[in-house]
Amino acid sequence: MIKVKDLKFKYQGANQYALDNVSVTIPRGSYVAILGHNGSGKSTFSKLISGLYKPTSGEIYIDGIMIKKNSLRDIRKKIGIIFQNPDNQFIGSTVEDDLAFGLENANVDREKMKKIIQDLAAKVDMENFLDREPNSLSGGQKQRVAIASVLALNPEIIIFDEATSMLDPKGKEDVLKIIKDIQKTREKTLISITHDMDEAIMADYCIVFSKGKIIAFDESKNILNNSKIIEESKIDSPFIYKISSKIDGIKPTYDIEELLENIWK
């Protein structure tokens, strides 16, 4: 569980708080999308809960452990981050080397490591690319390797920091499928910083930021169906919802199967 209490953060030299008195609790095993326009505070929030930034004031707890200087090492073992640009996460000279890097640092036995690497590569559909160099991979393939590298360390919390924003439609589809597969097990807490509303609707909950404050925290379908929140936060409804809401006699829906079924009635 992630618990944030009275969190404030101000960048050096700034006149205003990037986050201003934020309090929220994210349930263990949930998938949460964090939404908001540029400068709303959502990326700052992710960097604070991952221990990359130090709060100006307030408290952050990960599984009951407060983030502070003497607990950072333990906290960071619990959290993995997938960044926007997969090139920034590649460490090894090949896919296999990259997957092995974290395991070696964790002193995993060599024989166990081989099996873990094979299993992870299969999980992200990269088992036939283990000897490939990073520059020979597509953006989507690199991001799948980045996800596998994080999964290798088995963190309790995974943060996707606009992880699909630089990918083509195929790469995005592949990454979202992996997220769905992780979500099914309910073994990890997933947090996605995103501008993509079609991605946000997959989440259990949405947290909406505006001007450094949380203005909404609810089930995804409720958030994305609330015109007041959408207008205030300058986010948008998913494509399927916008299409269905324009068709006379059709109830607005986020489900493409439901939309097609209603059209053909």
C-alpha atoms as a PDB file:
ATOM      1  CA  MET A   1       0.000   0.000   0.000  1.00  0.00           C
ATOM      2  CA  ILE A   2       1.147   3.551  -0.778  1.00  0.00           C
ATOM      3  CA  LYS A   3       0.048   6.256   1.631  1.00  0.00           C
ATOM      4  CA  VAL A   4       0.774   9.929   1.029  1.00  0.00           C
ATOM      5  CA  LYS A   5       0.005  12.501   3.714  1.00  0.00           C
ATOM      6  CA  ASP A   6       0.075  16.316   3.382  1.00  0.00           C
ATOM      7  CA  LEU A   7       2.720  16.140   0.650  1.00  0.00           C
ATOM      8  CA  LYS A   8       4.258  19.374  -0.625  1.00  0.00           C
ATOM      9  CA  PHE A   9       7.061  19.874  -3.113  1.00  0.00           C
ATOM     10  CA  LYS A  10       8.622  23.002  -4.585  1.00  0.00           C
ATOM     11  CA  TYR A  11      11.373  23.031  -7.206  1.00  0.00           C
ATOM     12  CA  GLN A  12      14.417  25.123  -6.386  1.00  0.00           C
ATOM     13  CA  GLY A  13      13.855  28.731  -7.391  1.00  0.00           C
ATOM     14  CA  ALA A  14      10.133  28.233  -8.055  1.00  0.00           C
ATOM     15  CA  ASN A  15       7.521  30.565  -6.603  1.00  0.00           C
ATOM     16  CA  GLN A  16       4.732  27.985  -6.430  1.00  0.00           C
ATOM     17  CA  TYR A  17       4.479  24.446  -5.165  1.00  0.00           C
ATOM     18  CA  ALA A  18       4.537  21.742  -7.845  1.00  0.00           C
ATOM     19  CA  LEU A  19       2.543  19.642  -5.371  1.00  0.00           C
ATOM     20  CA  ASP A  20       0.468  21.352  -2.728  1.00  0.00           C
ATOM     21  CA  ASN A  21      -0.864  19.433   0.285  1.00  0.00           C
ATOM     22  CA  VAL A  22      -1.520  16.119  -1.499  1.00  0.00           C
ATOM     23  CA  SER A  23      -2.941  13.203   0.483  1.00  0.00           C
ATOM     24  CA  VAL A  24      -3.956   9.863  -1.051  1.00  0.00           C
ATOM     25  CA  THR A  25      -3.872   6.114  -0.400  1.00  0.00           C
ATOM     26  CA  ILE A  26      -3.284   3.639  -3.250  1.00  0.00           C
ATOM     27  CA  PRO A  27      -4.450   0.095  -2.415  1.00  0.00           C
ATOM     28  CA  ARG A  28      -2.024  -2.806  -2.744  1.00  0.00           C
ATOM     29  CA  GLY A  29      -2.464  -4.783  -5.981  1.00  0.00           C
ATOM     30  CA  SER A  30      -4.432  -2.064  -7.767  1.00  0.00           C
ATOM     31  CA  TYR A  31      -3.751  -0.520 -11.163  1.00  0.00           C
ATOM     32  CA  VAL A  32      -3.917   3.266 -11.005  1.00  0.00           C
ATOM     33  CA  ALA A  33      -3.668   5.736 -13.887  1.00  0.00           C
ATOM     34  CA  ILE A  34      -2.412   9.208 -12.993  1.00  0.00           C
ATOM     35  CA  LEU A  35      -3.818  11.890 -15.276  1.00  0.00           C
ATOM     36  CA  GLY A  36      -3.423  15.613 -15.794  1.00  0.00           C
ATOM     37  CA  HIS A  37      -2.156  18.138 -18.299  1.00  0.00           C
ATOM     38  CA  ASN A  38       1.517  19.114 -18.528  1.00  0.00           C
ATOM     39  CA  GLY A  39       2.675  20.816 -15.343  1.00  0.00           C
ATOM     40  CA  SER A  40      -0.211  19.446 -13.260  1.00  0.00           C
ATOM     41  CA  GLY A  41       2.124  17.600 -10.869  1.00  0.00           C
ATOM     42  CA  LYS A  42       1.632  13.994 -11.943  1.00  0.00           C
ATOM     43  CA  SER A  43       5.256  13.279 -12.928  1.00  0.00           C
ATOM     44  CA  THR A  44       6.556  15.056  -9.818  1.00  0.00           C
ATOM     45  CA  PHE A  45       4.271  12.836  -7.746  1.00  0.00           C
ATOM     46  CA  SER A  46       5.723   9.671  -9.318  1.00  0.00           C
ATOM     47  CA  LYS A  47       9.290  10.800  -8.630  1.00  0.00           C
ATOM     48  CA  LEU A  48       8.443  11.521  -4.990  1.00  0.00           C
ATOM     49  CA  ILE A  49       6.804   8.163  -4.300  1.00  0.00           C
ATOM     50  CA  SER A  50       9.745   6.382  -5.939  1.00  0.00           C
ATOM     51  CA  GLY A  51      12.233   8.220  -3.731  1.00  0.00           C
ATOM     52  CA  LEU A  52      13.902  10.117  -6.566  1.00  0.00           C
ATOM     53  CA  TYR A  53      12.853  13.480  -5.100  1.00  0.00           C
ATOM     54  CA  LYS A  54      12.741  14.559  -1.466  1.00  0.00           C
ATOM     55  CA  PRO A  55       9.484  16.201  -0.314  1.00  0.00           C
ATOM     56  CA  THR A  56       9.541  19.800   0.830  1.00  0.00           C
ATOM     57  CA  SER A  57       7.175  18.630   3.562  1.00  0.00           C
ATOM     58  CA  GLY A  58       4.737  15.791   4.220  1.00  0.00           C
ATOM     59  CA  GLU A  59       5.095  12.035   4.487  1.00  0.00           C
ATOM     60  CA  ILE A  60       5.146   9.073   2.086  1.00  0.00           C
ATOM     61  CA  TYR A  61       4.754   5.488   3.285  1.00  0.00           C
ATOM     62  CA  ILE A  62       5.406   2.354   1.241  1.00  0.00           C
ATOM     63  CA  ASP A  63       4.005  -0.721   3.000  1.00  0.00           C
ATOM     64  CA  GLY A  64       4.115   1.189   6.269  1.00  0.00           C
ATOM     65  CA  ILE A  65       7.740   2.294   5.818  1.00  0.00           C
ATOM     66  CA  MET A  66       8.194   6.054   5.663  1.00  0.00           C
ATOM     67  CA  ILE A  67      10.453   7.281   2.875  1.00  0.00           C
ATOM     68  CA  LYS A  68      13.445   9.012   4.446  1.00  0.00           C
ATOM     69  CA  LYS A  69      17.212   8.899   4.116  1.00  0.00           C
ATOM     70  CA  ASN A  70      17.798   5.743   6.157  1.00  0.00           C
ATOM     71  CA  SER A  71      14.964   3.793   4.474  1.00  0.00           C
ATOM     72  CA  LEU A  72      15.646   4.702   0.824  1.00  0.00           C
ATOM     73  CA  ARG A  73      17.631   1.548   0.071  1.00  0.00           C
ATOM     74  CA  ASP A  74      14.781  -0.696   1.227  1.00  0.00           C
ATOM     75  CA  ILE A  75      12.119   1.443  -0.455  1.00  0.00           C
ATOM     76  CA  ARG A  76      13.877   1.363  -3.817  1.00  0.00           C
ATOM     77  CA  LYS A  77      13.939  -2.431  -3.738  1.00  0.00           C
ATOM     78  CA  LYS A  78      10.162  -2.331  -3.674  1.00  0.00           C
ATOM     79  CA  ILE A  79       9.744  -0.041  -6.705  1.00  0.00           C
ATOM     80  CA  GLY A  80      10.572  -0.408 -10.399  1.00  0.00           C
ATOM     81  CA  ILE A  81      10.181   2.347 -13.011  1.00  0.00           C
ATOM     82  CA  ILE A  82       9.642   2.101 -16.767  1.00  0.00           C
ATOM     83  CA  PHE A  83      10.558   5.440 -18.332  1.00  0.00           C
ATOM     84  CA  GLN A  84       9.253   7.171 -21.448  1.00  0.00           C
ATOM     85  CA  ASN A  85      12.381   6.570 -23.530  1.00  0.00           C
ATOM     86  CA  PRO A  86      13.519   2.916 -23.433  1.00  0.00           C
ATOM     87  CA  ASP A  87      16.983   3.909 -24.697  1.00  0.00           C
ATOM     88  CA  ASN A  88      17.584   5.537 -21.302  1.00  0.00           C
ATOM     89  CA  GLN A  89      17.135   2.199 -19.519  1.00  0.00           C
ATOM     90  CA  PHE A  90      19.314  -0.115 -21.599  1.00  0.00           C
ATOM     91  CA  ILE A  91      22.473  -1.033 -19.692  1.00  0.00           C
ATOM     92  CA  GLY A  92      23.693  -4.263 -21.299  1.00  0.00           C
ATOM     93  CA  SER A  93      25.237  -4.737 -24.734  1.00  0.00           C
ATOM     94  CA  THR A  94      22.583  -7.357 -25.572  1.00  0.00           C
ATOM     95  CA  VAL A  95      19.043  -8.156 -24.418  1.00  0.00           C
ATOM     96  CA  GLU A  96      20.360 -11.031 -22.310  1.00  0.00           C
ATOM     97  CA  ASP A  97      23.007  -8.828 -20.674  1.00  0.00           C
ATOM     98  CA  ASP A  98      20.381  -6.235 -19.843  1.00  0.00           C
ATOM     99  CA  LEU A  99      18.104  -8.794 -18.202  1.00  0.00           C
ATOM    100  CA  ALA A 100      21.047 -10.231 -16.284  1.00  0.00           C
ATOM    101  CA  PHE A 101      22.291  -6.910 -14.916  1.00  0.00           C
ATOM    102  CA  GLY A 102      19.888  -6.553 -11.999  1.00  0.00           C
ATOM    103  CA  LEU A 103      20.034 -10.250 -11.188  1.00  0.00           C
ATOM    104  CA  GLU A 104      23.833 -10.147 -10.971  1.00  0.00           C
ATOM    105  CA  ASN A 105      23.661  -7.178  -8.609  1.00  0.00           C
ATOM    106  CA  ALA A 106      21.247  -9.179  -6.474  1.00  0.00           C
ATOM    107  CA  ASN A 107      23.767 -12.093  -6.397  1.00  0.00           C
ATOM    108  CA  VAL A 108      21.342 -14.549  -8.001  1.00  0.00           C
ATOM    109  CA  ASP A 109      22.866 -17.972  -8.658  1.00  0.00           C
ATOM    110  CA  ARG A 110      24.048 -18.349 -12.275  1.00  0.00           C
ATOM    111  CA  GLU A 111      21.905 -21.401 -13.045  1.00  0.00           C
ATOM    112  CA  LYS A 112      18.813 -19.814 -11.516  1.00  0.00           C
ATOM    113  CA  MET A 113      19.588 -16.647 -13.445  1.00  0.00           C
ATOM    114  CA  LYS A 114      19.490 -18.458 -16.794  1.00  0.00           C
ATOM    115  CA  LYS A 115      16.000 -19.798 -16.112  1.00  0.00           C
ATOM    116  CA  ILE A 116      14.737 -16.430 -14.867  1.00  0.00           C
ATOM    117  CA  ILE A 117      16.054 -14.718 -18.001  1.00  0.00           C
ATOM    118  CA  GLN A 118      14.425 -17.292 -20.266  1.00  0.00           C
ATOM    119  CA  ASP A 119      11.099 -17.028 -18.412  1.00  0.00           C
ATOM    120  CA  LEU A 120      11.115 -13.219 -18.487  1.00  0.00           C
ATOM    121  CA  ALA A 121      12.083 -13.084 -22.154  1.00  0.00           C
ATOM    122  CA  ALA A 122       9.197 -15.428 -22.954  1.00  0.00           C
ATOM    123  CA  LYS A 123       6.818 -13.331 -20.842  1.00  0.00           C
ATOM    124  CA  VAL A 124       7.509 -10.244 -22.972  1.00  0.00           C
ATOM    125  CA  ASP A 125       7.843 -12.235 -26.227  1.00  0.00           C
ATOM    126  CA  MET A 126      11.564 -11.527 -26.624  1.00  0.00           C
ATOM    127  CA  GLU A 127      12.989 -15.051 -26.214  1.00  0.00           C
ATOM    128  CA  ASN A 128      14.282 -15.038 -29.809  1.00  0.00           C
ATOM    129  CA  PHE A 129      16.129 -11.738 -29.329  1.00  0.00           C
ATOM    130  CA  LEU A 130      18.400 -12.475 -26.359  1.00  0.00           C
ATOM    131  CA  ASP A 131      21.607 -12.059 -28.381  1.00  0.00           C
ATOM    132  CA  ARG A 132      20.436  -8.897 -30.145  1.00  0.00           C
ATOM    133  CA  GLU A 133      22.005  -5.486 -29.547  1.00  0.00           C
ATOM    134  CA  PRO A 134      19.776  -2.603 -28.411  1.00  0.00           C
ATOM    135  CA  ASN A 135      20.246  -0.574 -31.618  1.00  0.00           C
ATOM    136  CA  SER A 136      18.783  -3.442 -33.657  1.00  0.00           C
ATOM    137  CA  LEU A 137      15.461  -3.376 -31.770  1.00  0.00           C
ATOM    138  CA  SER A 138      12.317  -1.362 -32.395  1.00  0.00           C
ATOM    139  CA  GLY A 139      11.036   1.076 -29.769  1.00  0.00           C
ATOM    140  CA  GLY A 140       8.365  -1.375 -28.667  1.00  0.00           C
ATOM    141  CA  GLN A 141      10.866  -4.208 -28.352  1.00  0.00           C
ATOM    142  CA  LYS A 142      13.183  -2.031 -26.266  1.00  0.00           C
ATOM    143  CA  GLN A 143      10.315  -1.115 -23.961  1.00  0.00           C
ATOM    144  CA  ARG A 144       9.386  -4.788 -23.545  1.00  0.00           C
ATOM    145  CA  VAL A 145      12.982  -5.506 -22.528  1.00  0.00           C
ATOM    146  CA  ALA A 146      12.838  -2.579 -20.080  1.00  0.00           C
ATOM    147  CA  ILE A 147       9.707  -4.078 -18.507  1.00  0.00           C
ATOM    148  CA  ALA A 148      11.341  -7.512 -18.275  1.00  0.00           C
ATOM    149  CA  SER A 149      14.432  -5.956 -16.654  1.00  0.00           C
ATOM    150  CA  VAL A 150      12.235  -4.388 -13.979  1.00  0.00           C
ATOM    151  CA  LEU A 151      10.271  -7.615 -13.477  1.00  0.00           C
ATOM    152  CA  ALA A 152      13.581  -9.455 -12.971  1.00  0.00           C
ATOM    153  CA  LEU A 153      14.003  -7.580  -9.697  1.00  0.00           C
ATOM    154  CA  ASN A 154      10.464  -8.539  -8.653  1.00  0.00           C
ATOM    155  CA  PRO A 155       9.396  -5.159  -7.235  1.00  0.00           C
ATOM    156  CA  GLU A 156       6.077  -4.820  -5.432  1.00  0.00           C
ATOM    157  CA  ILE A 157       5.284  -1.555  -7.240  1.00  0.00           C
ATOM    158  CA  ILE A 158       5.856  -0.759 -10.920  1.00  0.00           C
ATOM    159  CA  ILE A 159       5.575   2.803 -12.213  1.00  0.00           C
ATOM    160  CA  PHE A 160       5.054   3.311 -15.960  1.00  0.00           C
ATOM    161  CA  ASP A 161       6.120   6.905 -16.621  1.00  0.00           C
ATOM    162  CA  GLU A 162       4.421   7.605 -19.978  1.00  0.00           C
ATOM    163  CA  ALA A 163       5.904   4.303 -21.118  1.00  0.00           C
ATOM    164  CA  THR A 164       3.881   4.105 -24.354  1.00  0.00           C
ATOM    165  CA  SER A 165       4.033   7.753 -25.446  1.00  0.00           C
ATOM    166  CA  MET A 166       7.001   7.306 -27.811  1.00  0.00           C
ATOM    167  CA  LEU A 167       5.814   4.026 -29.340  1.00  0.00           C
ATOM    168  CA  ASP A 168       4.016   3.293 -32.599  1.00  0.00           C
ATOM    169  CA  PRO A 169       0.556   1.639 -32.380  1.00  0.00           C
ATOM    170  CA  LYS A 170       2.001  -1.901 -32.525  1.00  0.00           C
ATOM    171  CA  GLY A 171       4.587  -1.169 -29.837  1.00  0.00           C
ATOM    172  CA  LYS A 172       1.934   0.442 -27.650  1.00  0.00           C
ATOM    173  CA  GLU A 173      -0.392  -2.537 -28.087  1.00  0.00           C
ATOM    174  CA  ASP A 174       2.362  -4.963 -27.083  1.00  0.00           C
ATOM    175  CA  VAL A 175       3.248  -3.010 -23.935  1.00  0.00           C
ATOM    176  CA  LEU A 176      -0.398  -2.639 -22.878  1.00  0.00           C
ATOM    177  CA  LYS A 177      -0.878  -6.388 -23.265  1.00  0.00           C
ATOM    178  CA  ILE A 178       2.013  -7.000 -20.859  1.00  0.00           C
ATOM    179  CA  ILE A 179       0.505  -4.524 -18.386  1.00  0.00           C
ATOM    180  CA  LYS A 180      -2.840  -6.342 -18.602  1.00  0.00           C
ATOM    181  CA  ASP A 181      -1.123  -9.678 -17.960  1.00  0.00           C
ATOM    182  CA  ILE A 182       0.639  -8.280 -14.873  1.00  0.00           C
ATOM    183  CA  GLN A 183      -2.614  -6.717 -13.685  1.00  0.00           C
ATOM    184  CA  LYS A 184      -4.464 -10.049 -13.783  1.00  0.00           C
ATOM    185  CA  THR A 185      -2.353 -11.579 -11.032  1.00  0.00           C
ATOM    186  CA  ARG A 186      -2.986  -8.703  -8.584  1.00  0.00           C
ATOM    187  CA  GLU A 187       0.463  -9.406  -7.149  1.00  0.00           C
ATOM    188  CA  LYS A 188       1.853  -5.955  -7.936  1.00  0.00           C
ATOM    189  CA  THR A 189       0.670  -2.384  -7.620  1.00  0.00           C
ATOM    190  CA  LEU A 190       0.790  -0.692 -11.024  1.00  0.00           C
ATOM    191  CA  ILE A 191       0.927   3.072 -11.473  1.00  0.00           C
ATOM    192  CA  SER A 192       0.737   4.555 -14.960  1.00  0.00           C
ATOM    193  CA  ILE A 193       1.504   8.219 -15.665  1.00  0.00           C
ATOM    194  CA  THR A 194      -0.288   8.766 -18.955  1.00  0.00           C
ATOM    195  CA  HIS A 195      -1.984  11.165 -21.358  1.00  0.00           C
ATOM    196  CA  ASP A 196      -3.644   8.261 -23.165  1.00  0.00           C
ATOM    197  CA  MET A 197      -7.269   7.885 -22.118  1.00  0.00           C
ATOM    198  CA  ASP A 198      -7.644   4.559 -23.907  1.00  0.00           C
ATOM    199  CA  GLU A 199      -4.872   3.337 -21.615  1.00  0.00           C
ATOM    200  CA  ALA A 200      -6.386   4.973 -18.522  1.00  0.00           C
ATOM    201  CA  ILE A 201      -9.693   3.139 -18.906  1.00  0.00           C
ATOM    202  CA  MET A 202      -7.815  -0.150 -18.350  1.00  0.00           C
ATOM    203  CA  ALA A 203      -6.940   0.963 -14.817  1.00  0.00           C
ATOM    204  CA  ASP A 204      -8.952   0.226 -11.693  1.00  0.00           C
ATOM    205  CA  TYR A 205      -8.740   3.833 -10.560  1.00  0.00           C
ATOM    206  CA  CYS A 206      -7.703   7.218 -11.900  1.00  0.00           C
ATOM    207  CA  ILE A 207      -6.046   9.975  -9.902  1.00  0.00           C
ATOM    208  CA  VAL A 208      -6.448  13.351 -11.591  1.00  0.00           C
ATOM    209  CA  PHE A 209      -4.025  16.211 -10.917  1.00  0.00           C
ATOM    210  CA  SER A 210      -4.531  19.893 -11.650  1.00  0.00           C
ATOM    211  CA  LYS A 211      -2.312  22.758 -10.512  1.00  0.00           C
ATOM    212  CA  GLY A 212      -0.432  20.555  -8.058  1.00  0.00           C
ATOM    213  CA  LYS A 213      -3.525  19.178  -6.347  1.00  0.00           C
ATOM    214  CA  ILE A 214      -5.563  15.987  -6.650  1.00  0.00           C
ATOM    215  CA  ILE A 215      -9.001  16.991  -7.907  1.00  0.00           C
ATOM    216  CA  ALA A 216     -10.410  13.478  -8.308  1.00  0.00           C
ATOM    217  CA  PHE A 217      -9.719   9.878  -7.285  1.00  0.00           C
ATOM    218  CA  ASP A 218     -12.299   7.308  -8.351  1.00  0.00           C
ATOM    219  CA  GLU A 219     -12.929   4.289 -10.542  1.00  0.00           C
ATOM    220  CA  SER A 220     -11.743   4.955 -14.083  1.00  0.00           C
ATOM    221  CA  LYS A 221     -15.190   4.778 -15.679  1.00  0.00           C
ATOM    222  CA  ASN A 222     -16.532   7.354 -13.219  1.00  0.00           C
ATOM    223  CA  ILE A 223     -13.654   9.764 -13.783  1.00  0.00           C
ATOM    224  CA  LEU A 224     -13.763   9.580 -17.562  1.00  0.00           C
ATOM    225  CA  ASN A 225     -17.539  10.037 -17.569  1.00  0.00           C
ATOM    226  CA  ASN A 226     -17.373  13.223 -15.508  1.00  0.00           C
ATOM    227  CA  SER A 227     -17.441  16.223 -17.834  1.00  0.00           C
ATOM    228  CA  LYS A 228     -16.619  18.654 -15.014  1.00  0.00           C
ATOM    229  CA  ILE A 229     -13.382  16.826 -14.121  1.00  0.00           C
ATOM    230  CA  ILE A 230     -12.436  16.382 -17.766  1.00  0.00           C
ATOM    231  CA  GLU A 231     -12.890  20.095 -18.426  1.00  0.00           C
ATOM    232  CA  GLU A 232     -11.068  21.247 -15.276  1.00  0.00           C
ATOM    233  CA  SER A 233      -8.090  18.936 -15.772  1.00  0.00           C
ATOM    234  CA  LYS A 234      -7.933  19.359 -19.564  1.00  0.00           C
ATOM    235  CA  ILE A 235      -7.954  15.617 -20.162  1.00  0.00           C
ATOM    236  CA  ASP A 236     -10.031  13.846 -22.769  1.00  0.00           C
ATOM    237  CA  SER A 237     -12.452  10.920 -22.935  1.00  0.00           C
ATOM    238  CA  PRO A 238     -11.370   7.662 -24.623  1.00  0.00           C
ATOM    239  CA  PHE A 239     -11.962   7.454 -28.377  1.00  0.00           C
ATOM    240  CA  ILE A 240     -14.628   4.734 -28.130  1.00  0.00           C
ATOM    241  CA  TYR A 241     -16.593   6.780 -25.593  1.00  0.00           C
ATOM    242  CA  LYS A 242     -16.522   9.870 -27.815  1.00  0.00           C
ATOM    243  CA  ILE A 243     -17.713   7.868 -30.839  1.00  0.00           C
ATOM    244  CA  SER A 244     -20.521   6.112 -28.951  1.00  0.00           C
ATOM    245  CA  SER A 245     -21.742   9.369 -27.390  1.00  0.00           C
ATOM    246  CA  LYS A 246     -22.240  10.855 -30.876  1.00  0.00           C
ATOM    247  CA  ILE A 247     -24.553   8.078 -32.085  1.00  0.00           C
ATOM    248  CA  ASP A 248     -28.261   8.662 -31.515  1.00  0.00           C
ATOM    249  CA  GLY A 249     -29.951   5.953 -29.489  1.00  0.00           C
ATOM    250  CA  ILE A 250     -26.668   4.431 -28.298  1.00  0.00           C
ATOM    251  CA  LYS A 251     -25.637   4.582 -24.655  1.00  0.00           C
ATOM    252  CA  PRO A 252     -22.090   5.958 -24.336  1.00  0.00           C
ATOM    253  CA  THR A 253     -19.620   3.154 -23.589  1.00  0.00           C
ATOM    254  CA  TYR A 254     -15.895   2.506 -23.217  1.00  0.00           C
ATOM    255  CA  ASP A 255     -16.227  -1.076 -24.477  1.00  0.00           C
ATOM    256  CA  ILE A 256     -15.818  -1.545 -28.239  1.00  0.00           C
ATOM    257  CA  GLU A 257     -17.582  -4.933 -28.115  1.00  0.00           C
ATOM    258  CA  GLU A 258     -20.556  -3.358 -26.358  1.00  0.00           C
ATOM    259  CA  LEU A 259     -20.612  -0.521 -28.896  1.00  0.00           C
ATOM    260  CA  LEU A 260     -20.637  -2.919 -31.867  1.00  0.00           C
ATOM    261  CA  GLU A 261     -23.322  -5.033 -30.238  1.00  0.00           C
ATOM    262  CA  ASN A 262     -25.566  -1.976 -29.705  1.00  0.00           C
ATOM    263  CA  ILE A 263     -25.021  -0.757 -33.269  1.00  0.00           C
ATOM    264  CA  TRP A 264     -26.096  -4.084 -34.767  1.00  0.00           C
ATOM    265  CA  LYS A 265     -29.200  -4.482 -32.589  1.00  0.00           C
END
